[in-house]
Amino acid sequence: MSFAAFVTGSVVGGSLVFGSLSYHFLRTGDGVELIPKGSPSFAETYLDIRQFTPSDWAGHKTVAAAVVAAKKESIFGPPPPPPATSAPPSLQTPPSTARQFGAWSALPNR
C-alpha cells in the first residue's frame, strides 16, 4: 500500500466520521436532506422518514428539534385537517341556552 492511498483513505474516513457526527441524513420522498445535529453524536445519523407519523416523530425528539432549528418544517408534511364539527357554528346551541334546556330535562315526566 502506498502512502498516497493511506492519506486518501484517512481523509475519506475522517470526512465520513465528521459528517455522521455533525448531520442527520433524512431520507424523504424528495431525496436526502442534511440537517445539522444539535450536539455531536453517532445517534440517529440516518433515518428513513418517508412513512413517519406524529407518533414516530415523538420517538425522535432530537431529530424533530433539529428539523425545527434548521427551519425545514416542510419535512414534517402537510398539517392535519381541522377536526370536523357536528354542525356549523350558526346552528350550534349557545352555552346559556344549553343550561336552560338542561334544567328543563330535570323536570319529572308526566
Protein backbone atom coordinates (compact mmCIF):
# COMPACT_ATOMS: atom_id res chain seq x y z
CA MET A 1 0.00 0.00 0.00
CA SER A 2 1.36 3.39 -0.92
CA PHE A 3 1.45 6.47 1.24
CA ALA A 4 -0.99 8.28 -1.11
CA ALA A 5 -3.60 5.53 -0.65
CA PHE A 6 -3.18 5.76 3.13
CA VAL A 7 -3.64 9.54 3.12
CA THR A 8 -6.65 9.31 0.76
CA GLY A 9 -8.27 6.65 2.95
CA SER A 10 -7.63 8.71 6.07
CA VAL A 11 -9.17 11.84 4.52
CA VAL A 12 -12.25 9.97 3.24
CA GLY A 13 -12.70 8.12 6.55
CA GLY A 14 -12.29 11.29 8.58
CA SER A 15 -14.80 13.10 6.37
CA LEU A 16 -17.37 10.32 6.85
CA VAL A 17 -16.89 10.35 10.63
CA PHE A 18 -17.21 14.14 10.70
CA GLY A 19 -20.40 14.00 8.58
CA SER A 20 -22.00 11.32 10.74
CA LEU A 21 -21.19 13.24 13.93
CA SER A 22 -22.44 16.57 12.58
CA TYR A 23 -25.52 15.83 10.45
CA HIS A 24 -28.77 13.88 10.39
CA PHE A 25 -29.24 12.30 6.96
CA LEU A 26 -33.02 12.13 6.47
CA ARG A 27 -34.46 10.13 3.57
CA THR A 28 -37.58 11.96 2.40
CA GLY A 29 -39.89 11.50 -0.56
CA ASP A 30 -37.88 14.18 -2.38
CA GLY A 31 -34.42 12.75 -1.67
CA VAL A 32 -31.95 13.09 1.20
CA GLU A 33 -31.96 16.14 3.49
CA LEU A 34 -28.94 17.09 5.60
CA ILE A 35 -29.96 18.56 8.96
CA PRO A 36 -27.27 19.81 11.37
CA LYS A 37 -27.23 17.95 14.70
CA GLY A 38 -27.58 19.88 17.95
CA SER A 39 -24.64 18.06 19.52
CA PRO A 40 -22.09 15.67 18.02
CA SER A 41 -23.07 12.00 18.33
CA PHE A 42 -23.47 8.92 16.19
CA ALA A 43 -27.11 8.53 17.29
CA GLU A 44 -29.84 8.94 14.64
CA THR A 45 -27.42 9.69 11.84
CA TYR A 46 -29.64 8.17 9.11
CA LEU A 47 -33.44 7.94 9.24
CA ASP A 48 -35.91 6.98 6.51
CA ILE A 49 -38.79 9.33 7.32
CA ARG A 50 -40.95 8.73 4.25
CA GLN A 51 -43.63 6.91 6.28
CA PHE A 52 -43.22 8.77 9.60
CA THR A 53 -46.35 9.53 11.63
CA PRO A 54 -46.64 12.01 14.53
CA SER A 55 -46.02 9.17 16.98
CA ASP A 56 -42.78 8.33 15.13
CA TRP A 57 -41.64 11.94 15.46
CA ALA A 58 -42.44 11.79 19.18
CA GLY A 59 -39.92 8.95 19.45
CA HIS A 60 -37.22 11.00 17.70
CA LYS A 61 -37.45 14.31 19.57
CA THR A 62 -33.83 15.32 18.96
CA VAL A 63 -34.28 14.94 15.21
CA ALA A 64 -37.58 16.86 15.29
CA ALA A 65 -35.91 19.67 17.25
CA ALA A 66 -33.03 19.76 14.74
CA VAL A 67 -35.51 19.99 11.84
CA VAL A 68 -37.27 22.93 13.50
CA ALA A 69 -33.93 24.62 14.29
CA ALA A 70 -32.92 24.24 10.63
CA LYS A 71 -36.25 25.85 9.59
CA LYS A 72 -37.18 22.87 7.41
CA GLU A 73 -40.62 22.15 8.90
CA SER A 74 -41.89 21.14 5.44
CA ILE A 75 -40.18 17.79 6.12
CA PHE A 76 -42.96 17.01 8.62
CA GLY A 77 -45.53 17.04 5.81
CA PRO A 78 -48.75 19.00 5.47
CA PRO A 79 -50.62 19.92 8.65
CA PRO A 80 -53.58 17.70 9.55
CA PRO A 81 -57.04 18.97 8.58
CA PRO A 82 -59.06 20.66 11.33
CA PRO A 83 -61.50 18.37 13.15
CA ALA A 84 -64.98 18.28 11.70
CA THR A 85 -67.74 19.82 13.78
CA SER A 86 -71.12 18.20 14.12
CA ALA A 87 -72.95 21.36 13.00
CA PRO A 88 -71.97 24.71 11.52
CA PRO A 89 -71.29 27.38 14.19
CA SER A 90 -74.53 29.16 13.28
CA LEU A 91 -76.55 26.05 14.24
CA GLN A 92 -74.75 25.18 17.46
CA THR A 93 -76.59 25.88 20.72
CA PRO A 94 -75.03 28.70 22.76
CA PRO A 95 -73.91 27.65 26.27
CA SER A 96 -76.51 29.80 28.08
CA THR A 97 -79.36 28.17 26.13
CA ALA A 98 -77.91 24.70 26.75
CA ARG A 99 -78.01 25.34 30.51
CA GLN A 100 -81.65 26.37 30.27
CA PHE A 101 -82.60 23.22 28.37
CA GLY A 102 -80.51 21.12 30.74
CA ALA A 103 -82.60 22.45 33.66
CA TRP A 104 -85.83 21.52 31.81
CA SER A 105 -84.70 17.94 31.33
CA ALA A 106 -84.58 17.57 35.15
CA LEU A 107 -88.39 18.06 35.40
CA PRO A 108 -90.40 14.91 36.18
CA ASN A 109 -92.18 13.20 33.28
CA ARG A 110 -95.99 13.47 33.21
